[in-house]
Amino acid sequence: MVKKLLIHPIYYKEIIERISRLSVDSQRKWGKMDVCQMLTHCDLVLQVALYKIELPPINLLFETIGIVTKLEMYVFNNGIPRNMPTFQKLIVNFECDFDESKTNLLKTLEEFRVACENRKLPGSHRLFGNMTEKDWEFLEYKHLDHHLKQFNV
């Protein structure tokens, strides 16, 4: 199976097109977030890669689990498990505006694309440990794909 990287033009375009198919009425298949909250959450996760959000340190056990999860995703090319816990800073449990959230996510996606091209992504992640550009591109694609599937797109 192909390992999709967000920087690849075909997969970048695919993600943009899937986001564009979302509407304020899109219904989730699982989880607690509505579509607007999901868009905001995905925006926040991308902002971590752009040095706009700093995640707090975690204990060694969780970091080990994160590193093993990253390796498992690479080896088996599987997705992110449903209802997986996340950092408090990335939880969106408040009301938000759909159009604004969608616009912000698309803007941040473009910033991420430029950062990838310029090799300006962090060398580590609090959960996943050491990160290469390819790691970021792979894991960000997997994260977006996970949440877009959550909303049937």
N, C-alpha and C. Protein backbone atom coordinates (compact mmCIF):
# COMPACT_ATOMS: atom_id res chain seq x y z
N MET A 1 0.85 -1.19 0.00
CA MET A 1 0.00 0.00 0.00
C MET A 1 0.89 1.25 0.00
N VAL A 2 0.47 2.24 -0.72
CA VAL A 2 1.22 3.49 -0.83
C VAL A 2 1.15 4.27 0.49
N LYS A 3 2.29 4.80 0.90
CA LYS A 3 2.32 5.68 2.08
C LYS A 3 2.16 7.11 1.57
N LYS A 4 1.01 7.68 1.87
CA LYS A 4 0.70 9.02 1.37
C LYS A 4 1.35 10.09 2.24
N LEU A 5 1.98 11.05 1.57
CA LEU A 5 2.61 12.18 2.24
C LEU A 5 1.84 13.44 1.88
N LEU A 6 1.57 14.28 2.86
CA LEU A 6 0.76 15.48 2.63
C LEU A 6 1.41 16.44 1.64
N ILE A 7 2.72 16.43 1.54
CA ILE A 7 3.42 17.36 0.64
C ILE A 7 3.24 16.97 -0.84
N HIS A 8 2.94 15.69 -1.10
CA HIS A 8 2.79 15.23 -2.48
C HIS A 8 1.60 15.94 -3.11
N PRO A 9 1.77 16.56 -4.28
CA PRO A 9 0.68 17.35 -4.88
C PRO A 9 -0.65 16.61 -5.02
N ILE A 10 -0.60 15.35 -5.39
CA ILE A 10 -1.84 14.58 -5.57
C ILE A 10 -2.57 14.43 -4.24
N TYR A 11 -1.85 14.09 -3.17
CA TYR A 11 -2.48 13.84 -1.88
C TYR A 11 -2.86 15.15 -1.19
N TYR A 12 -2.08 16.19 -1.42
CA TYR A 12 -2.43 17.52 -0.90
C TYR A 12 -3.76 17.96 -1.51
N LYS A 13 -3.86 17.82 -2.83
CA LYS A 13 -5.09 18.20 -3.53
C LYS A 13 -6.27 17.34 -3.06
N GLU A 14 -6.03 16.06 -2.86
CA GLU A 14 -7.08 15.16 -2.37
C GLU A 14 -7.63 15.65 -1.03
N ILE A 15 -6.75 16.02 -0.11
CA ILE A 15 -7.18 16.50 1.21
C ILE A 15 -7.98 17.79 1.07
N ILE A 16 -7.51 18.70 0.25
CA ILE A 16 -8.21 19.98 0.02
C ILE A 16 -9.62 19.71 -0.53
N GLU A 17 -9.71 18.82 -1.50
CA GLU A 17 -11.01 18.51 -2.09
C GLU A 17 -11.95 17.86 -1.08
N ARG A 18 -11.42 16.99 -0.23
CA ARG A 18 -12.26 16.35 0.78
C ARG A 18 -12.75 17.38 1.80
N ILE A 19 -11.89 18.30 2.20
CA ILE A 19 -12.30 19.37 3.12
C ILE A 19 -13.39 20.22 2.47
N SER A 20 -13.26 20.48 1.17
CA SER A 20 -14.25 21.32 0.48
C SER A 20 -15.61 20.65 0.41
N ARG A 21 -15.68 19.33 0.53
CA ARG A 21 -16.96 18.61 0.49
C ARG A 21 -17.70 18.65 1.83
N LEU A 22 -17.03 19.12 2.87
CA LEU A 22 -17.68 19.24 4.17
C LEU A 22 -18.67 20.39 4.17
N SER A 23 -19.73 20.23 4.94
CA SER A 23 -20.68 21.32 5.12
C SER A 23 -20.98 21.45 6.61
N VAL A 24 -21.63 22.52 6.97
CA VAL A 24 -21.99 22.75 8.36
C VAL A 24 -22.88 21.61 8.88
N ASP A 25 -23.54 20.90 7.98
CA ASP A 25 -24.45 19.81 8.35
C ASP A 25 -23.81 18.43 8.31
N SER A 26 -22.52 18.34 7.99
CA SER A 26 -21.84 17.04 7.93
C SER A 26 -21.93 16.36 9.29
N GLN A 27 -22.31 15.08 9.25
CA GLN A 27 -22.50 14.32 10.49
C GLN A 27 -21.34 13.36 10.72
N ARG A 28 -20.93 13.23 11.95
CA ARG A 28 -19.83 12.34 12.30
C ARG A 28 -20.32 10.89 12.40
N LYS A 29 -19.39 9.97 12.17
CA LYS A 29 -19.67 8.54 12.34
C LYS A 29 -19.26 8.08 13.74
N TRP A 30 -18.33 8.80 14.38
CA TRP A 30 -17.88 8.46 15.73
C TRP A 30 -17.32 9.72 16.38
N GLY A 31 -17.06 9.64 17.66
CA GLY A 31 -16.43 10.74 18.39
C GLY A 31 -17.43 11.76 18.92
N LYS A 32 -16.88 12.82 19.51
CA LYS A 32 -17.69 13.84 20.17
C LYS A 32 -17.73 15.16 19.42
N MET A 33 -16.72 15.44 18.60
CA MET A 33 -16.64 16.75 17.93
C MET A 33 -17.65 16.85 16.79
N ASP A 34 -18.19 18.06 16.62
CA ASP A 34 -18.98 18.31 15.42
C ASP A 34 -18.00 18.70 14.32
N VAL A 35 -18.50 18.93 13.12
CA VAL A 35 -17.63 19.18 11.98
C VAL A 35 -16.77 20.44 12.17
N CYS A 36 -17.35 21.47 12.74
CA CYS A 36 -16.61 22.71 12.98
C CYS A 36 -15.48 22.49 13.99
N GLN A 37 -15.77 21.77 15.04
CA GLN A 37 -14.75 21.48 16.05
C GLN A 37 -13.64 20.62 15.46
N MET A 38 -14.00 19.68 14.59
CA MET A 38 -13.00 18.84 13.94
C MET A 38 -12.07 19.68 13.07
N LEU A 39 -12.62 20.61 12.31
CA LEU A 39 -11.79 21.48 11.47
C LEU A 39 -10.83 22.30 12.32
N THR A 40 -11.31 22.82 13.42
CA THR A 40 -10.47 23.61 14.32
C THR A 40 -9.39 22.72 14.95
N HIS A 41 -9.77 21.53 15.36
CA HIS A 41 -8.79 20.59 15.93
C HIS A 41 -7.68 20.27 14.91
N CYS A 42 -8.05 19.99 13.68
CA CYS A 42 -7.05 19.68 12.65
C CYS A 42 -6.14 20.88 12.40
N ASP A 43 -6.70 22.08 12.44
CA ASP A 43 -5.91 23.31 12.30
C ASP A 43 -4.89 23.40 13.44
N LEU A 44 -5.32 23.16 14.67
CA LEU A 44 -4.43 23.24 15.83
C LEU A 44 -3.31 22.21 15.73
N VAL A 45 -3.63 21.00 15.29
CA VAL A 45 -2.61 19.95 15.17
C VAL A 45 -1.55 20.37 14.14
N LEU A 46 -1.97 20.93 13.03
CA LEU A 46 -1.00 21.42 12.03
C LEU A 46 -0.15 22.55 12.58
N GLN A 47 -0.74 23.38 13.45
CA GLN A 47 0.02 24.49 14.02
C GLN A 47 1.17 24.02 14.90
N VAL A 48 1.09 22.82 15.43
CA VAL A 48 2.20 22.26 16.21
C VAL A 48 3.43 22.15 15.30
N ALA A 49 3.23 21.68 14.09
CA ALA A 49 4.33 21.52 13.13
C ALA A 49 4.89 22.86 12.66
N LEU A 50 4.13 23.92 12.86
CA LEU A 50 4.55 25.27 12.41
C LEU A 50 5.09 26.11 13.56
N TYR A 51 5.37 25.47 14.69
CA TYR A 51 5.91 26.14 15.88
C TYR A 51 4.95 27.16 16.48
N LYS A 52 3.66 27.08 16.17
CA LYS A 52 2.68 28.03 16.70
C LYS A 52 2.07 27.56 18.01
N ILE A 53 2.10 26.25 18.23
CA ILE A 53 1.59 25.67 19.47
C ILE A 53 2.67 24.74 20.01
N GLU A 54 2.99 24.94 21.28
CA GLU A 54 3.97 24.07 21.93
C GLU A 54 3.22 23.13 22.87
N LEU A 55 3.45 21.85 22.66
CA LEU A 55 2.80 20.85 23.50
C LEU A 55 3.59 20.66 24.78
N PRO A 56 2.90 20.34 25.88
CA PRO A 56 3.60 20.15 27.16
C PRO A 56 4.38 18.83 27.17
N PRO A 57 5.40 18.77 28.01
CA PRO A 57 6.13 17.49 28.15
C PRO A 57 5.18 16.40 28.65
N ILE A 58 5.49 15.16 28.28
CA ILE A 58 4.71 14.02 28.75
C ILE A 58 5.65 13.03 29.41
N ASN A 59 5.08 12.09 30.15
CA ASN A 59 5.95 11.13 30.83
C ASN A 59 6.51 10.12 29.83
N LEU A 60 7.55 9.45 30.24
CA LEU A 60 8.29 8.53 29.38
C LEU A 60 7.41 7.40 28.84
N LEU A 61 6.47 6.93 29.65
CA LEU A 61 5.59 5.86 29.21
C LEU A 61 4.78 6.29 27.99
N PHE A 62 4.15 7.48 28.06
CA PHE A 62 3.34 7.95 26.94
C PHE A 62 4.20 8.24 25.71
N GLU A 63 5.39 8.77 25.94
CA GLU A 63 6.28 9.03 24.80
C GLU A 63 6.68 7.71 24.13
N THR A 64 6.94 6.70 24.93
CA THR A 64 7.29 5.38 24.38
C THR A 64 6.12 4.83 23.56
N ILE A 65 4.91 4.96 24.10
CA ILE A 65 3.72 4.50 23.37
C ILE A 65 3.59 5.27 22.05
N GLY A 66 3.85 6.58 22.09
CA GLY A 66 3.77 7.40 20.88
C GLY A 66 4.78 6.98 19.83
N ILE A 67 6.00 6.72 20.25
CA ILE A 67 7.05 6.31 19.31
C ILE A 67 6.71 4.96 18.69
N VAL A 68 6.22 4.03 19.52
CA VAL A 68 5.83 2.72 19.01
C VAL A 68 4.65 2.86 18.05
N THR A 69 3.70 3.73 18.36
CA THR A 69 2.55 3.96 17.48
C THR A 69 3.01 4.50 16.13
N LYS A 70 3.94 5.46 16.16
CA LYS A 70 4.48 6.01 14.91
C LYS A 70 5.11 4.91 14.07
N LEU A 71 5.93 4.07 14.69
CA LEU A 71 6.58 2.97 13.97
C LEU A 71 5.55 1.99 13.41
N GLU A 72 4.54 1.68 14.21
CA GLU A 72 3.49 0.77 13.76
C GLU A 72 2.75 1.33 12.55
N MET A 73 2.47 2.63 12.59
CA MET A 73 1.77 3.26 11.46
C MET A 73 2.62 3.19 10.19
N TYR A 74 3.93 3.35 10.33
CA TYR A 74 4.82 3.23 9.18
C TYR A 74 4.86 1.80 8.64
N VAL A 75 5.06 0.85 9.53
CA VAL A 75 5.21 -0.54 9.11
C VAL A 75 3.93 -1.07 8.48
N PHE A 76 2.80 -0.84 9.13
CA PHE A 76 1.54 -1.40 8.67
C PHE A 76 0.71 -0.41 7.85
N ASN A 77 1.14 0.86 7.78
CA ASN A 77 0.44 1.91 7.04
C ASN A 77 -1.03 2.00 7.48
N ASN A 78 -1.25 1.77 8.78
CA ASN A 78 -2.63 1.83 9.28
C ASN A 78 -2.97 3.25 9.73
N GLY A 79 -4.21 3.44 10.06
CA GLY A 79 -4.66 4.76 10.47
C GLY A 79 -4.60 4.98 11.97
N ILE A 80 -5.12 6.10 12.38
CA ILE A 80 -5.16 6.46 13.79
C ILE A 80 -6.38 5.79 14.41
N PRO A 81 -6.22 5.17 15.58
CA PRO A 81 -7.38 4.53 16.22
C PRO A 81 -8.48 5.55 16.58
N ARG A 82 -9.71 5.13 16.53
CA ARG A 82 -10.83 5.99 16.90
C ARG A 82 -10.78 6.32 18.38
N ASN A 83 -11.24 7.53 18.70
CA ASN A 83 -11.36 8.00 20.09
C ASN A 83 -10.04 7.97 20.86
N MET A 84 -8.94 8.14 20.15
CA MET A 84 -7.63 8.17 20.78
C MET A 84 -7.49 9.47 21.58
N PRO A 85 -6.92 9.42 22.78
CA PRO A 85 -6.76 10.64 23.57
C PRO A 85 -5.80 11.61 22.89
N THR A 86 -5.94 12.89 23.20
CA THR A 86 -5.07 13.91 22.61
C THR A 86 -4.64 14.91 23.68
N PHE A 87 -3.71 15.76 23.33
CA PHE A 87 -3.25 16.79 24.25
C PHE A 87 -4.38 17.77 24.54
N GLN A 88 -4.46 18.24 25.77
CA GLN A 88 -5.50 19.18 26.19
C GLN A 88 -5.55 20.41 25.28
N LYS A 89 -4.38 20.91 24.87
CA LYS A 89 -4.31 22.11 24.02
C LYS A 89 -4.96 21.90 22.65
N LEU A 90 -5.14 20.65 22.27
CA LEU A 90 -5.67 20.35 20.93
C LEU A 90 -7.13 19.91 20.97
N ILE A 91 -7.70 19.88 22.17
CA ILE A 91 -9.11 19.50 22.31
C ILE A 91 -9.98 20.72 22.04
N VAL A 92 -10.96 20.53 21.18
CA VAL A 92 -11.89 21.60 20.83
C VAL A 92 -13.27 21.15 21.30
N ASN A 93 -13.72 21.72 22.42
CA ASN A 93 -15.03 21.36 22.96
C ASN A 93 -15.89 22.61 23.15
N PHE A 94 -15.65 23.59 22.28
CA PHE A 94 -16.37 24.86 22.35
C PHE A 94 -17.02 25.13 21.00
N GLU A 95 -17.98 26.05 21.00
CA GLU A 95 -18.66 26.43 19.77
C GLU A 95 -17.69 27.20 18.87
N CYS A 96 -17.82 26.99 17.57
CA CYS A 96 -16.98 27.74 16.63
C CYS A 96 -17.77 27.97 15.34
N ASP A 97 -17.23 28.81 14.50
CA ASP A 97 -17.87 29.16 13.23
C ASP A 97 -17.34 28.26 12.13
N PHE A 98 -18.23 27.58 11.43
CA PHE A 98 -17.83 26.62 10.40
C PHE A 98 -16.98 27.26 9.31
N ASP A 99 -17.46 28.34 8.71
CA ASP A 99 -16.73 28.96 7.60
C ASP A 99 -15.36 29.45 8.04
N GLU A 100 -15.30 30.05 9.21
CA GLU A 100 -14.02 30.55 9.73
C GLU A 100 -13.06 29.38 10.00
N SER A 101 -13.57 28.31 10.58
CA SER A 101 -12.74 27.14 10.88
C SER A 101 -12.21 26.49 9.61
N LYS A 102 -13.07 26.39 8.61
CA LYS A 102 -12.66 25.79 7.33
C LYS A 102 -11.60 26.66 6.65
N THR A 103 -11.83 27.95 6.62
CA THR A 103 -10.87 28.89 6.03
C THR A 103 -9.53 28.83 6.76
N ASN A 104 -9.57 28.82 8.08
CA ASN A 104 -8.34 28.76 8.87
C ASN A 104 -7.56 27.48 8.60
N LEU A 105 -8.27 26.35 8.52
CA LEU A 105 -7.59 25.08 8.25
C LEU A 105 -6.93 25.10 6.88
N LEU A 106 -7.62 25.60 5.88
CA LEU A 106 -7.04 25.65 4.53
C LEU A 106 -5.82 26.56 4.50
N LYS A 107 -5.88 27.66 5.22
CA LYS A 107 -4.73 28.58 5.31
C LYS A 107 -3.55 27.90 6.00
N THR A 108 -3.81 27.21 7.09
CA THR A 108 -2.75 26.53 7.82
C THR A 108 -2.18 25.38 7.01
N LEU A 109 -3.02 24.69 6.25
CA LEU A 109 -2.54 23.64 5.36
C LEU A 109 -1.54 24.19 4.34
N GLU A 110 -1.85 25.36 3.80
CA GLU A 110 -0.93 25.99 2.85
C GLU A 110 0.38 26.38 3.54
N GLU A 111 0.30 26.90 4.76
CA GLU A 111 1.51 27.23 5.52
C GLU A 111 2.33 25.97 5.77
N PHE A 112 1.66 24.87 6.06
CA PHE A 112 2.35 23.60 6.28
C PHE A 112 3.06 23.16 5.00
N ARG A 113 2.38 23.28 3.87
CA ARG A 113 2.97 22.89 2.58
C ARG A 113 4.24 23.68 2.32
N VAL A 114 4.20 24.98 2.55
CA VAL A 114 5.36 25.85 2.34
C VAL A 114 6.49 25.48 3.31
N ALA A 115 6.13 25.21 4.57
CA ALA A 115 7.14 24.81 5.55
C ALA A 115 7.80 23.50 5.15
N CYS A 116 7.03 22.58 4.61
CA CYS A 116 7.60 21.31 4.11
C CYS A 116 8.58 21.57 2.98
N GLU A 117 8.16 22.36 2.03
CA GLU A 117 9.02 22.67 0.88
C GLU A 117 10.32 23.32 1.32
N ASN A 118 10.25 24.16 2.34
CA ASN A 118 11.42 24.89 2.83
C ASN A 118 12.16 24.16 3.95
N ARG A 119 11.71 22.95 4.27
CA ARG A 119 12.33 22.12 5.31
C ARG A 119 12.42 22.88 6.64
N LYS A 120 11.28 23.41 7.08
CA LYS A 120 11.20 24.21 8.30
C LYS A 120 10.33 23.57 9.38
N LEU A 121 10.28 22.25 9.40
CA LEU A 121 9.46 21.55 10.39
C LEU A 121 10.32 21.12 11.58
N PRO A 122 9.71 20.98 12.75
CA PRO A 122 10.47 20.60 13.94
C PRO A 122 11.13 19.22 13.82
N GLY A 123 12.22 19.04 14.53
CA GLY A 123 12.93 17.77 14.53
C GLY A 123 12.41 16.78 15.55
N SER A 124 11.38 17.20 16.30
CA SER A 124 10.79 16.28 17.28
C SER A 124 9.35 16.66 17.57
N HIS A 125 8.65 15.73 18.18
CA HIS A 125 7.26 15.90 18.60
C HIS A 125 7.15 15.31 20.00
N ARG A 126 6.39 15.94 20.87
CA ARG A 126 6.29 15.47 22.26
C ARG A 126 5.85 14.01 22.36
N LEU A 127 4.94 13.59 21.50
CA LEU A 127 4.42 12.23 21.56
C LEU A 127 5.22 11.27 20.69
N PHE A 128 5.58 11.70 19.50
CA PHE A 128 6.19 10.79 18.53
C PHE A 128 7.71 10.81 18.53
N GLY A 129 8.32 11.62 19.37
CA GLY A 129 9.79 11.64 19.46
C GLY A 129 10.43 12.34 18.27
N ASN A 130 11.62 11.85 17.88
CA ASN A 130 12.33 12.46 16.75
C ASN A 130 11.49 12.37 15.49
N MET A 131 11.49 13.45 14.73
CA MET A 131 10.66 13.53 13.52
C MET A 131 11.50 14.04 12.35
N THR A 132 11.33 13.39 11.21
CA THR A 132 11.90 13.89 9.96
C THR A 132 10.80 14.65 9.22
N GLU A 133 11.17 15.33 8.15
CA GLU A 133 10.16 15.99 7.32
C GLU A 133 9.14 14.95 6.83
N LYS A 134 9.63 13.80 6.42
CA LYS A 134 8.75 12.74 5.91
C LYS A 134 7.80 12.26 7.01
N ASP A 135 8.28 12.17 8.26
CA ASP A 135 7.41 11.78 9.37
C ASP A 135 6.24 12.75 9.50
N TRP A 136 6.55 14.04 9.49
CA TRP A 136 5.50 15.06 9.61
C TRP A 136 4.50 14.93 8.47
N GLU A 137 5.00 14.79 7.25
CA GLU A 137 4.14 14.74 6.07
C GLU A 137 3.24 13.50 6.11
N PHE A 138 3.79 12.38 6.58
CA PHE A 138 3.03 11.14 6.68
C PHE A 138 1.99 11.21 7.80
N LEU A 139 2.42 11.62 8.98
CA LEU A 139 1.51 11.64 10.14
C LEU A 139 0.43 12.71 10.01
N GLU A 140 0.75 13.86 9.43
CA GLU A 140 -0.28 14.89 9.23
C GLU A 140 -1.31 14.42 8.20
N TYR A 141 -0.85 13.72 7.16
CA TYR A 141 -1.82 13.16 6.21
C TYR A 141 -2.73 12.16 6.93
N LYS A 142 -2.13 11.26 7.72
CA LYS A 142 -2.91 10.25 8.43
C LYS A 142 -3.93 10.90 9.37
N HIS A 143 -3.52 11.97 10.05
CA HIS A 143 -4.42 12.65 10.98
C HIS A 143 -5.60 13.27 10.24
N LEU A 144 -5.33 13.99 9.17
CA LEU A 144 -6.41 14.61 8.40
C LEU A 144 -7.32 13.54 7.80
N ASP A 145 -6.73 12.49 7.25
CA ASP A 145 -7.51 11.40 6.65
C ASP A 145 -8.44 10.78 7.70
N HIS A 146 -7.92 10.57 8.90
CA HIS A 146 -8.71 10.00 10.00
C HIS A 146 -9.96 10.84 10.26
N HIS A 147 -9.77 12.15 10.39
CA HIS A 147 -10.92 13.01 10.73
C HIS A 147 -11.84 13.25 9.54
N LEU A 148 -11.33 13.23 8.34
CA LEU A 148 -12.21 13.37 7.19
C LEU A 148 -13.06 12.12 7.02
N LYS A 149 -12.48 10.95 7.27
CA LYS A 149 -13.28 9.72 7.27
C LYS A 149 -14.34 9.75 8.36
N GLN A 150 -14.00 10.37 9.48
CA GLN A 150 -14.94 10.51 10.59
C GLN A 150 -16.23 11.20 10.11
N PHE A 151 -16.08 12.09 9.11
CA PHE A 151 -17.22 12.86 8.60
C PHE A 151 -17.58 12.44 7.17
N ASN A 152 -17.27 11.19 6.84
CA ASN A 152 -17.70 10.57 5.56
C ASN A 152 -17.17 11.25 4.30
N VAL A 153 -16.03 11.87 4.37
CA VAL A 153 -15.44 12.43 3.14
C VAL A 153 -14.03 11.93 2.96
